[in-house]
Amino acid sequence: MPFAKGDQVKLRTFLGTLKPRKARGTENNFWRLIGQKGKVIDDAIQNKRILVLFEKHLDEFEVANHNPIPNSLWIKPSDLRLDI
């Protein structure tokens, strides 16, 4: 499903799964964000991902937060659903 800039979305999976296939350190366990809401802030596909700004601070989930825009991550569109 194509998403547009400004769409409200919810993370339904990460890398297509509900939990990591192998153990991950806390900062790389982005599966902790499943169920979180955000907004598409860049719908230009980069590496098959779009930029999502999450409503909650990523630091609360202890995951890596190193994008130029705080609390944003490049997410595969297939891991998202519209949050209407």
PDB file of N, CA and C in Angstrom:
ATOM      1  N   MET A   1       0.835  -1.172   0.000  1.00  0.00           N
ATOM      2  CA  MET A   1       0.000   0.000   0.000  1.00  0.00           C
ATOM      3  C   MET A   1       0.886   1.244   0.000  1.00  0.00           C
ATOM      4  N   PRO A   2       0.643   2.155  -0.909  1.00  0.00           N
ATOM      5  CA  PRO A   2       1.438   3.384  -0.907  1.00  0.00           C
ATOM      6  C   PRO A   2       0.943   4.332   0.188  1.00  0.00           C
ATOM      7  N   PHE A   3       1.874   4.934   0.878  1.00  0.00           N
ATOM      8  CA  PHE A   3       1.554   5.900   1.911  1.00  0.00           C
ATOM      9  C   PHE A   3       1.965   7.277   1.419  1.00  0.00           C
ATOM     10  N   ALA A   4       1.289   8.291   1.911  1.00  0.00           N
ATOM     11  CA  ALA A   4       1.589   9.668   1.532  1.00  0.00           C
ATOM     12  C   ALA A   4       2.076  10.442   2.751  1.00  0.00           C
ATOM     13  N   LYS A   5       2.844  11.463   2.478  1.00  0.00           N
ATOM     14  CA  LYS A   5       3.331  12.340   3.545  1.00  0.00           C
ATOM     15  C   LYS A   5       2.128  12.849   4.339  1.00  0.00           C
ATOM     16  N   GLY A   6       2.219  12.763   5.666  1.00  0.00           N
ATOM     17  CA  GLY A   6       1.136  13.214   6.529  1.00  0.00           C
ATOM     18  C   GLY A   6       0.202  12.111   6.988  1.00  0.00           C
ATOM     19  N   ASP A   7       0.277  10.932   6.359  1.00  0.00           N
ATOM     20  CA  ASP A   7      -0.577   9.816   6.777  1.00  0.00           C
ATOM     21  C   ASP A   7      -0.256   9.411   8.207  1.00  0.00           C
ATOM     22  N   GLN A   8      -1.294   9.157   8.991  1.00  0.00           N
ATOM     23  CA  GLN A   8      -1.139   8.619  10.332  1.00  0.00           C
ATOM     24  C   GLN A   8      -1.040   7.103  10.193  1.00  0.00           C
ATOM     25  N   VAL A   9      -0.019   6.520  10.795  1.00  0.00           N
ATOM     26  CA  VAL A   9       0.228   5.091  10.643  1.00  0.00           C
ATOM     27  C   VAL A   9       0.461   4.435  12.003  1.00  0.00           C
ATOM     28  N   LYS A  10       0.393   3.114  11.991  1.00  0.00           N
ATOM     29  CA  LYS A  10       0.670   2.322  13.187  1.00  0.00           C
ATOM     30  C   LYS A  10       1.596   1.190  12.760  1.00  0.00           C
ATOM     31  N   LEU A  11       2.615   0.940  13.558  1.00  0.00           N
ATOM     32  CA  LEU A  11       3.561  -0.134  13.263  1.00  0.00           C
ATOM     33  C   LEU A  11       2.915  -1.468  13.625  1.00  0.00           C
ATOM     34  N   ARG A  12       2.725  -2.334  12.627  1.00  0.00           N
ATOM     35  CA  ARG A  12       2.059  -3.615  12.876  1.00  0.00           C
ATOM     36  C   ARG A  12       3.043  -4.772  12.968  1.00  0.00           C
ATOM     37  N   THR A  13       4.200  -4.636  12.319  1.00  0.00           N
ATOM     38  CA  THR A  13       5.288  -5.612  12.392  1.00  0.00           C
ATOM     39  C   THR A  13       6.589  -4.842  12.210  1.00  0.00           C
ATOM     40  N   PHE A  14       7.702  -5.518  12.378  1.00  0.00           N
ATOM     41  CA  PHE A  14       8.997  -4.926  12.053  1.00  0.00           C
ATOM     42  C   PHE A  14       9.772  -5.971  11.275  1.00  0.00           C
ATOM     43  N   LEU A  15      10.243  -5.586  10.109  1.00  0.00           N
ATOM     44  CA  LEU A  15      10.908  -6.501   9.175  1.00  0.00           C
ATOM     45  C   LEU A  15      10.030  -7.732   8.906  1.00  0.00           C
ATOM     46  N   GLY A  16       8.715  -7.499   8.920  1.00  0.00           N
ATOM     47  CA  GLY A  16       7.757  -8.532   8.559  1.00  0.00           C
ATOM     48  C   GLY A  16       7.418  -9.526   9.649  1.00  0.00           C
ATOM     49  N   THR A  17       7.923  -9.334  10.862  1.00  0.00           N
ATOM     50  CA  THR A  17       7.639 -10.281  11.945  1.00  0.00           C
ATOM     51  C   THR A  17       7.187  -9.539  13.205  1.00  0.00           C
ATOM     52  N   LEU A  18       6.596 -10.288  14.124  1.00  0.00           N
ATOM     53  CA  LEU A  18       6.147  -9.719  15.394  1.00  0.00           C
ATOM     54  C   LEU A  18       7.222  -9.751  16.469  1.00  0.00           C
ATOM     55  N   LYS A  19       8.260 -10.547  16.242  1.00  0.00           N
ATOM     56  CA  LYS A  19       9.379 -10.600  17.184  1.00  0.00           C
ATOM     57  C   LYS A  19      10.643 -10.933  16.414  1.00  0.00           C
ATOM     58  N   PRO A  20      11.794 -10.573  16.955  1.00  0.00           N
ATOM     59  CA  PRO A  20      13.044 -10.831  16.233  1.00  0.00           C
ATOM     60  C   PRO A  20      13.306 -12.327  16.064  1.00  0.00           C
ATOM     61  N   ARG A  21      13.946 -12.666  14.966  1.00  0.00           N
ATOM     62  CA  ARG A  21      14.282 -14.066  14.700  1.00  0.00           C
ATOM     63  C   ARG A  21      15.439 -14.555  15.555  1.00  0.00           C
ATOM     64  N   LYS A  22      16.275 -13.608  16.006  1.00  0.00           N
ATOM     65  CA  LYS A  22      17.393 -13.965  16.885  1.00  0.00           C
ATOM     66  C   LYS A  22      17.521 -12.872  17.941  1.00  0.00           C
ATOM     67  N   ALA A  23      18.230 -13.167  18.989  1.00  0.00           N
ATOM     68  CA  ALA A  23      18.392 -12.217  20.093  1.00  0.00           C
ATOM     69  C   ALA A  23      19.024 -10.923  19.589  1.00  0.00           C
ATOM     70  N   ARG A  24      18.537  -9.821  20.089  1.00  0.00           N
ATOM     71  CA  ARG A  24      19.043  -8.502  19.720  1.00  0.00           C
ATOM     72  C   ARG A  24      19.345  -7.716  20.981  1.00  0.00           C
ATOM     73  N   GLY A  25      20.323  -6.855  20.897  1.00  0.00           N
ATOM     74  CA  GLY A  25      20.564  -5.937  22.001  1.00  0.00           C
ATOM     75  C   GLY A  25      19.392  -4.973  22.090  1.00  0.00           C
ATOM     76  N   THR A  26      19.203  -4.383  23.238  1.00  0.00           N
ATOM     77  CA  THR A  26      18.068  -3.486  23.461  1.00  0.00           C
ATOM     78  C   THR A  26      17.986  -2.398  22.404  1.00  0.00           C
ATOM     79  N   GLU A  27      19.109  -1.780  22.063  1.00  0.00           N
ATOM     80  CA  GLU A  27      19.064  -0.658  21.116  1.00  0.00           C
ATOM     81  C   GLU A  27      18.677  -1.079  19.702  1.00  0.00           C
ATOM     82  N   ASN A  28      18.763  -2.357  19.382  1.00  0.00           N
ATOM     83  CA  ASN A  28      18.374  -2.846  18.058  1.00  0.00           C
ATOM     84  C   ASN A  28      17.079  -3.648  18.072  1.00  0.00           C
ATOM     85  N   ASN A  29      16.370  -3.624  19.188  1.00  0.00           N
ATOM     86  CA  ASN A  29      15.116  -4.371  19.285  1.00  0.00           C
ATOM     87  C   ASN A  29      13.946  -3.444  18.941  1.00  0.00           C
ATOM     88  N   PHE A  30      13.834  -3.116  17.658  1.00  0.00           N
ATOM     89  CA  PHE A  30      12.785  -2.214  17.195  1.00  0.00           C
ATOM     90  C   PHE A  30      11.408  -2.865  17.250  1.00  0.00           C
ATOM     91  N   TRP A  31      11.339  -4.145  17.506  1.00  0.00           N
ATOM     92  CA  TRP A  31      10.063  -4.846  17.657  1.00  0.00           C
ATOM     93  C   TRP A  31       9.312  -4.304  18.878  1.00  0.00           C
ATOM     94  N   ARG A  32      10.026  -3.674  19.781  1.00  0.00           N
ATOM     95  CA  ARG A  32       9.397  -3.071  20.959  1.00  0.00           C
ATOM     96  C   ARG A  32       8.451  -1.938  20.560  1.00  0.00           C
ATOM     97  N   LEU A  33       8.586  -1.452  19.335  1.00  0.00           N
ATOM     98  CA  LEU A  33       7.756  -0.345  18.856  1.00  0.00           C
ATOM     99  C   LEU A  33       6.449  -0.809  18.211  1.00  0.00           C
ATOM    100  N   ILE A  34       6.265  -2.109  18.049  1.00  0.00           N
ATOM    101  CA  ILE A  34       5.040  -2.606  17.418  1.00  0.00           C
ATOM    102  C   ILE A  34       3.841  -2.105  18.203  1.00  0.00           C
ATOM    103  N   GLY A  35       2.887  -1.574  17.466  1.00  0.00           N
ATOM    104  CA  GLY A  35       1.683  -1.002  18.062  1.00  0.00           C
ATOM    105  C   GLY A  35       1.759   0.505  18.242  1.00  0.00           C
ATOM    106  N   GLN A  36       2.954   1.078  18.071  1.00  0.00           N
ATOM    107  CA  GLN A  36       3.122   2.523  18.239  1.00  0.00           C
ATOM    108  C   GLN A  36       2.643   3.266  16.992  1.00  0.00           C
ATOM    109  N   LYS A  37       2.176   4.490  17.229  1.00  0.00           N
ATOM    110  CA  LYS A  37       1.640   5.322  16.158  1.00  0.00           C
ATOM    111  C   LYS A  37       2.641   6.387  15.754  1.00  0.00           C
ATOM    112  N   GLY A  38       2.488   6.833  14.513  1.00  0.00           N
ATOM    113  CA  GLY A  38       3.344   7.888  14.016  1.00  0.00           C
ATOM    114  C   GLY A  38       2.746   8.523  12.779  1.00  0.00           C
ATOM    115  N   LYS A  39       3.549   9.373  12.155  1.00  0.00           N
ATOM    116  CA  LYS A  39       3.114  10.084  10.951  1.00  0.00           C
ATOM    117  C   LYS A  39       4.208   9.966   9.905  1.00  0.00           C
ATOM    118  N   VAL A  40       3.806   9.702   8.663  1.00  0.00           N
ATOM    119  CA  VAL A  40       4.763   9.659   7.555  1.00  0.00           C
ATOM    120  C   VAL A  40       5.235  11.090   7.310  1.00  0.00           C
ATOM    121  N   ILE A  41       6.543  11.304   7.431  1.00  0.00           N
ATOM    122  CA  ILE A  41       7.073  12.652   7.206  1.00  0.00           C
ATOM    123  C   ILE A  41       7.904  12.740   5.934  1.00  0.00           C
ATOM    124  N   ASP A  42       8.187  11.590   5.332  1.00  0.00           N
ATOM    125  CA  ASP A  42       8.874  11.566   4.032  1.00  0.00           C
ATOM    126  C   ASP A  42       8.442  10.290   3.332  1.00  0.00           C
ATOM    127  N   ASP A  43       7.669  10.456   2.257  1.00  0.00           N
ATOM    128  CA  ASP A  43       7.159   9.285   1.552  1.00  0.00           C
ATOM    129  C   ASP A  43       8.051   8.870   0.380  1.00  0.00           C
ATOM    130  N   ALA A  44       9.189   9.537   0.228  1.00  0.00           N
ATOM    131  CA  ALA A  44      10.141   9.133  -0.800  1.00  0.00           C
ATOM    132  C   ALA A  44      10.794   7.826  -0.348  1.00  0.00           C
ATOM    133  N   ILE A  45      10.707   6.821  -1.171  1.00  0.00           N
ATOM    134  CA  ILE A  45      11.243   5.511  -0.809  1.00  0.00           C
ATOM    135  C   ILE A  45      12.769   5.559  -0.833  1.00  0.00           C
ATOM    136  N   GLN A  46      13.387   5.194   0.290  1.00  0.00           N
ATOM    137  CA  GLN A  46      14.840   5.071   0.375  1.00  0.00           C
ATOM    138  C   GLN A  46      15.135   3.699   0.956  1.00  0.00           C
ATOM    139  N   ASN A  47      15.855   2.889   0.202  1.00  0.00           N
ATOM    140  CA  ASN A  47      16.144   1.514   0.630  1.00  0.00           C
ATOM    141  C   ASN A  47      14.864   0.763   0.973  1.00  0.00           C
ATOM    142  N   LYS A  48      13.820   1.004   0.185  1.00  0.00           N
ATOM    143  CA  LYS A  48      12.506   0.347   0.347  1.00  0.00           C
ATOM    144  C   LYS A  48      11.820   0.731   1.650  1.00  0.00           C
ATOM    145  N   ARG A  49      12.124   1.923   2.169  1.00  0.00           N
ATOM    146  CA  ARG A  49      11.541   2.388   3.432  1.00  0.00           C
ATOM    147  C   ARG A  49      11.066   3.830   3.311  1.00  0.00           C
ATOM    148  N   ILE A  50      10.128   4.193   4.208  1.00  0.00           N
ATOM    149  CA  ILE A  50       9.657   5.569   4.298  1.00  0.00           C
ATOM    150  C   ILE A  50       9.932   6.075   5.716  1.00  0.00           C
ATOM    151  N   LEU A  51      10.043   7.384   5.856  1.00  0.00           N
ATOM    152  CA  LEU A  51      10.397   7.964   7.145  1.00  0.00           C
ATOM    153  C   LEU A  51       9.139   8.227   7.975  1.00  0.00           C
ATOM    154  N   VAL A  52       9.115   7.650   9.180  1.00  0.00           N
ATOM    155  CA  VAL A  52       7.984   7.790  10.094  1.00  0.00           C
ATOM    156  C   VAL A  52       8.451   8.488  11.364  1.00  0.00           C
ATOM    157  N   LEU A  53       7.714   9.518  11.767  1.00  0.00           N
ATOM    158  CA  LEU A  53       7.965  10.218  13.023  1.00  0.00           C
ATOM    159  C   LEU A  53       6.995   9.654  14.055  1.00  0.00           C
ATOM    160  N   PHE A  54       7.524   9.013  15.078  1.00  0.00           N
ATOM    161  CA  PHE A  54       6.689   8.372  16.085  1.00  0.00           C
ATOM    162  C   PHE A  54       6.171   9.386  17.095  1.00  0.00           C
ATOM    163  N   GLU A  55       4.957   9.138  17.624  1.00  0.00           N
ATOM    164  CA  GLU A  55       4.356  10.028  18.612  1.00  0.00           C
ATOM    165  C   GLU A  55       5.123  10.003  19.925  1.00  0.00           C
ATOM    166  N   LYS A  56       5.572   8.828  20.318  1.00  0.00           N
ATOM    167  CA  LYS A  56       6.304   8.695  21.580  1.00  0.00           C
ATOM    168  C   LYS A  56       7.805   8.818  21.311  1.00  0.00           C
ATOM    169  N   HIS A  57       8.531   9.246  22.315  1.00  0.00           N
ATOM    170  CA  HIS A  57       9.977   9.358  22.195  1.00  0.00           C
ATOM    171  C   HIS A  57      10.599   7.959  22.131  1.00  0.00           C
ATOM    172  N   LEU A  58      11.454   7.753  21.173  1.00  0.00           N
ATOM    173  CA  LEU A  58      12.095   6.445  21.012  1.00  0.00           C
ATOM    174  C   LEU A  58      12.980   6.099  22.203  1.00  0.00           C
ATOM    175  N   ASP A  59      13.461   7.103  22.891  1.00  0.00           N
ATOM    176  CA  ASP A  59      14.286   6.840  24.077  1.00  0.00           C
ATOM    177  C   ASP A  59      13.517   6.046  25.137  1.00  0.00           C
ATOM    178  N   GLU A  60      12.187   6.214  25.175  1.00  0.00           N
ATOM    179  CA  GLU A  60      11.365   5.464  26.131  1.00  0.00           C
ATOM    180  C   GLU A  60      11.463   3.950  25.887  1.00  0.00           C
ATOM    181  N   PHE A  61      11.757   3.578  24.645  1.00  0.00           N
ATOM    182  CA  PHE A  61      11.840   2.168  24.275  1.00  0.00           C
ATOM    183  C   PHE A  61      13.285   1.664  24.250  1.00  0.00           C
ATOM    184  N   GLU A  62      14.215   2.573  24.554  1.00  0.00           N
ATOM    185  CA  GLU A  62      15.647   2.268  24.603  1.00  0.00           C
ATOM    186  C   GLU A  62      16.191   1.730  23.282  1.00  0.00           C
ATOM    187  N   VAL A  63      15.635   2.218  22.164  1.00  0.00           N
ATOM    188  CA  VAL A  63      16.131   1.804  20.848  1.00  0.00           C
ATOM    189  C   VAL A  63      16.980   2.926  20.262  1.00  0.00           C
ATOM    190  N   ALA A  64      17.833   2.564  19.318  1.00  0.00           N
ATOM    191  CA  ALA A  64      18.704   3.539  18.666  1.00  0.00           C
ATOM    192  C   ALA A  64      17.856   4.651  18.053  1.00  0.00           C
ATOM    193  N   ASN A  65      18.302   5.852  18.261  1.00  0.00           N
ATOM    194  CA  ASN A  65      17.550   7.029  17.811  1.00  0.00           C
ATOM    195  C   ASN A  65      18.564   8.020  17.248  1.00  0.00           C
ATOM    196  N   HIS A  66      19.097   7.706  16.061  1.00  0.00           N
ATOM    197  CA  HIS A  66      20.197   8.492  15.529  1.00  0.00           C
ATOM    198  C   HIS A  66      19.905   9.149  14.181  1.00  0.00           C
ATOM    199  N   ASN A  67      18.646   9.200  13.778  1.00  0.00           N
ATOM    200  CA  ASN A  67      18.308   9.896  12.542  1.00  0.00           C
ATOM    201  C   ASN A  67      18.386  11.403  12.762  1.00  0.00           C
ATOM    202  N   PRO A  68      18.564  12.176  11.691  1.00  0.00           N
ATOM    203  CA  PRO A  68      18.645  13.632  11.840  1.00  0.00           C
ATOM    204  C   PRO A  68      17.389  14.228  12.490  1.00  0.00           C
ATOM    205  N   ILE A  69      16.233  13.603  12.277  1.00  0.00           N
ATOM    206  CA  ILE A  69      15.000  14.057  12.910  1.00  0.00           C
ATOM    207  C   ILE A  69      14.738  13.136  14.097  1.00  0.00           C
ATOM    208  N   PRO A  70      14.817  13.652  15.323  1.00  0.00           N
ATOM    209  CA  PRO A  70      14.619  12.804  16.503  1.00  0.00           C
ATOM    210  C   PRO A  70      13.269  12.079  16.470  1.00  0.00           C
ATOM    211  N   ASN A  71      13.263  10.847  16.964  1.00  0.00           N
ATOM    212  CA  ASN A  71      12.072  10.008  17.071  1.00  0.00           C
ATOM    213  C   ASN A  71      11.515   9.558  15.729  1.00  0.00           C
ATOM    214  N   SER A  72      12.371   9.534  14.716  1.00  0.00           N
ATOM    215  CA  SER A  72      11.943   9.058  13.402  1.00  0.00           C
ATOM    216  C   SER A  72      12.780   7.841  13.001  1.00  0.00           C
ATOM    217  N   LEU A  73      12.148   6.973  12.242  1.00  0.00           N
ATOM    218  CA  LEU A  73      12.828   5.786  11.717  1.00  0.00           C
ATOM    219  C   LEU A  73      12.379   5.531  10.295  1.00  0.00           C
ATOM    220  N   TRP A  74      13.283   4.960   9.502  1.00  0.00           N
ATOM    221  CA  TRP A  74      12.945   4.511   8.152  1.00  0.00           C
ATOM    222  C   TRP A  74      12.319   3.124   8.294  1.00  0.00           C
ATOM    223  N   ILE A  75      11.067   2.996   7.897  1.00  0.00           N
ATOM    224  CA  ILE A  75      10.272   1.782   8.096  1.00  0.00           C
ATOM    225  C   ILE A  75       9.780   1.259   6.752  1.00  0.00           C
ATOM    226  N   LYS A  76       9.781  -0.058   6.598  1.00  0.00           N
ATOM    227  CA  LYS A  76       9.223  -0.667   5.387  1.00  0.00           C
ATOM    228  C   LYS A  76       7.710  -0.434   5.370  1.00  0.00           C
ATOM    229  N   PRO A  77       7.169   0.030   4.260  1.00  0.00           N
ATOM    230  CA  PRO A  77       5.723   0.245   4.188  1.00  0.00           C
ATOM    231  C   PRO A  77       4.908  -1.005   4.535  1.00  0.00           C
ATOM    232  N   SER A  78       5.429  -2.168   4.227  1.00  0.00           N
ATOM    233  CA  SER A  78       4.704  -3.408   4.526  1.00  0.00           C
ATOM    234  C   SER A  78       4.561  -3.654   6.034  1.00  0.00           C
ATOM    235  N   ASP A  79       5.330  -2.946   6.856  1.00  0.00           N
ATOM    236  CA  ASP A  79       5.246  -3.080   8.313  1.00  0.00           C
ATOM    237  C   ASP A  79       4.241  -2.105   8.929  1.00  0.00           C
ATOM    238  N   LEU A  80       3.623  -1.296   8.091  1.00  0.00           N
ATOM    239  CA  LEU A  80       2.717  -0.251   8.577  1.00  0.00           C
ATOM    240  C   LEU A  80       1.282  -0.493   8.135  1.00  0.00           C
ATOM    241  N   ARG A  81       0.371   0.111   8.875  1.00  0.00           N
ATOM    242  CA  ARG A  81      -1.024   0.185   8.433  1.00  0.00           C
ATOM    243  C   ARG A  81      -1.507   1.600   8.737  1.00  0.00           C
ATOM    244  N   LEU A  82      -2.481   2.049   7.947  1.00  0.00           N
ATOM    245  CA  LEU A  82      -3.065   3.366   8.218  1.00  0.00           C
ATOM    246  C   LEU A  82      -3.739   3.342   9.576  1.00  0.00           C
ATOM    247  N   ASP A  83      -3.622   4.415  10.309  1.00  0.00           N
ATOM    248  CA  ASP A  83      -4.259   4.546  11.612  1.00  0.00           C
ATOM    249  C   ASP A  83      -5.348   5.593  11.475  1.00  0.00           C
ATOM    250  N   ILE A  84      -6.549   5.128  11.220  1.00  0.00           N
ATOM    251  CA  ILE A  84      -7.678   6.051  10.964  1.00  0.00           C
ATOM    252  C   ILE A  84      -8.535   6.188  12.207  1.00  0.00           C
TER     253      ILE A  84
END
